[in-house]
Amino acid sequence: MADVNKDRFAERLNAIQQKSDPNKRVVKRVTKDGLVVDVVKRRRKKLVPVKSLATMALIFVMLKGFVFAQLGEDEYVSRIDTLKKGESPHVLAAFLLDADGATRVTARGLSVVLPRN
């Protein structure tokens, strides 16, 4: 013969474990009759870590600006032109490292701080 209290305890324990699952979130909703009910919603995993990609892009632009400010525009452009004449990985690198507006603005800001060789 099963113990009723033990069965109820197991049910309550399962409910607590389901609510404390990190992949789920509990939202309180008010029903039509005014009763507040906990509704469990699953958390969706993000497909792309947007913050991480934006941070990496910002760091990349800052690095390009730093190199642009150190080398100067003429030397930087001549090195990019050399890369453009290479094989396909070099052409891709030249495309990514090409001086765009953000790189020039960053370099202009950094040239005030950095000593020029």
Protein backbone atom coordinates (compact mmCIF):
# COMPACT_ATOMS: atom_id res chain seq x y z
CA MET A 1 0.00 0.00 0.00
CA ALA A 2 1.45 3.33 -1.12
CA ASP A 3 1.82 6.19 1.31
CA VAL A 4 -0.31 9.17 0.21
CA ASN A 5 1.97 11.71 1.85
CA LYS A 6 5.01 10.24 0.12
CA ASP A 7 3.28 10.49 -3.28
CA ARG A 8 2.28 14.12 -2.66
CA PHE A 9 5.82 14.90 -1.54
CA ALA A 10 7.24 13.39 -4.72
CA GLU A 11 4.80 15.45 -6.81
CA ARG A 12 5.74 18.67 -5.02
CA LEU A 13 9.43 17.85 -5.35
CA ASN A 14 9.05 17.28 -9.11
CA ALA A 15 7.19 20.59 -9.46
CA ILE A 16 9.98 22.45 -7.64
CA GLN A 17 12.64 20.82 -9.80
CA GLN A 18 10.79 21.75 -12.98
CA LYS A 19 10.44 25.38 -11.89
CA SER A 20 14.11 25.63 -10.90
CA ASP A 21 15.36 24.32 -14.24
CA PRO A 22 17.72 27.00 -15.66
CA ASN A 23 16.36 26.45 -19.17
CA LYS A 24 12.88 27.48 -18.05
CA ARG A 25 11.53 30.71 -16.67
CA VAL A 26 8.44 31.19 -14.59
CA VAL A 27 6.05 34.02 -15.45
CA LYS A 28 3.12 34.97 -13.26
CA ARG A 29 -0.17 35.43 -15.12
CA VAL A 30 -3.56 36.58 -13.89
CA THR A 31 -6.43 34.44 -15.15
CA LYS A 32 -9.91 35.75 -16.00
CA ASP A 33 -11.20 34.98 -12.54
CA GLY A 34 -8.34 36.94 -10.88
CA LEU A 35 -6.22 33.97 -9.83
CA VAL A 36 -2.44 34.41 -10.12
CA VAL A 37 -0.92 31.38 -11.82
CA ASP A 38 2.72 30.47 -12.50
CA VAL A 39 3.29 29.70 -16.16
CA VAL A 40 6.53 27.93 -17.06
CA LYS A 41 8.12 29.09 -20.33
CA ARG A 42 11.16 27.52 -21.88
CA ARG A 43 14.12 29.77 -22.54
CA ARG A 44 15.17 29.85 -26.15
CA LYS A 45 18.85 29.53 -26.85
CA LYS A 46 20.27 32.34 -28.91
CA LEU A 47 21.61 31.17 -32.22
CA VAL A 48 24.18 33.95 -32.50
CA PRO A 49 25.91 35.61 -29.56
CA VAL A 50 25.26 39.18 -30.70
CA LYS A 51 27.18 40.93 -27.91
CA SER A 52 30.26 38.80 -28.47
CA LEU A 53 30.24 39.40 -32.23
CA ALA A 54 29.79 43.16 -31.75
CA THR A 55 32.65 43.24 -29.26
CA MET A 56 34.93 41.31 -31.61
CA ALA A 57 34.05 43.66 -34.49
CA LEU A 58 34.79 46.70 -32.33
CA ILE A 59 38.14 45.27 -31.25
CA PHE A 60 38.97 44.47 -34.88
CA VAL A 61 38.20 48.04 -36.01
CA MET A 62 40.25 49.43 -33.11
CA LEU A 63 43.19 47.20 -34.10
CA LYS A 64 42.94 48.32 -37.72
CA GLY A 65 42.82 51.94 -36.59
CA PHE A 66 45.86 51.45 -34.38
CA VAL A 67 47.89 49.92 -37.22
CA PHE A 68 46.66 52.62 -39.63
CA ALA A 69 47.75 55.35 -37.19
CA GLN A 70 51.16 53.74 -36.61
CA LEU A 71 52.01 53.12 -40.26
CA GLY A 72 50.41 56.15 -41.86
CA GLU A 73 48.00 56.15 -44.76
CA ASP A 74 50.50 55.71 -47.61
CA GLU A 75 52.32 52.74 -46.06
CA TYR A 76 49.05 51.09 -44.96
CA VAL A 77 47.52 51.37 -48.43
CA SER A 78 50.68 50.06 -50.10
CA ARG A 79 50.66 46.98 -47.84
CA ILE A 80 46.98 46.36 -48.58
CA ASP A 81 47.71 46.64 -52.33
CA THR A 82 50.46 44.03 -51.89
CA LEU A 83 47.97 41.70 -50.22
CA LYS A 84 45.45 42.21 -53.03
CA LYS A 85 47.96 40.80 -55.53
CA GLY A 86 48.36 37.54 -53.59
CA GLU A 87 46.32 34.35 -53.53
CA SER A 88 42.73 34.04 -52.31
CA PRO A 89 43.44 34.10 -48.51
CA HIS A 90 45.55 37.21 -49.03
CA VAL A 91 42.80 38.85 -51.06
CA LEU A 92 40.29 38.07 -48.30
CA ALA A 93 42.66 39.56 -45.70
CA ALA A 94 43.08 42.65 -47.90
CA PHE A 95 39.30 43.01 -48.12
CA LEU A 96 38.92 42.75 -44.33
CA LEU A 97 41.86 45.06 -43.57
CA ASP A 98 41.01 47.69 -46.17
CA ALA A 99 40.78 51.18 -44.67
CA ASP A 100 37.13 52.08 -44.19
CA GLY A 101 35.56 55.11 -42.54
CA ALA A 102 35.56 53.66 -39.04
CA THR A 103 39.24 52.76 -39.33
CA ARG A 104 40.14 56.27 -40.47
CA VAL A 105 38.17 57.91 -37.65
CA THR A 106 39.77 55.59 -35.09
CA ALA A 107 43.22 56.29 -36.52
CA ARG A 108 42.59 60.04 -36.42
CA GLY A 109 41.65 59.77 -32.74
CA LEU A 110 44.62 57.57 -31.90
CA SER A 111 47.14 59.68 -33.84
CA VAL A 112 46.72 62.42 -31.23
CA VAL A 113 47.86 60.02 -28.50
CA LEU A 114 50.44 57.91 -30.35
CA PRO A 115 53.88 59.23 -31.27
CA ARG A 116 54.56 59.20 -35.02
CA ASN A 117 57.70 57.40 -36.30
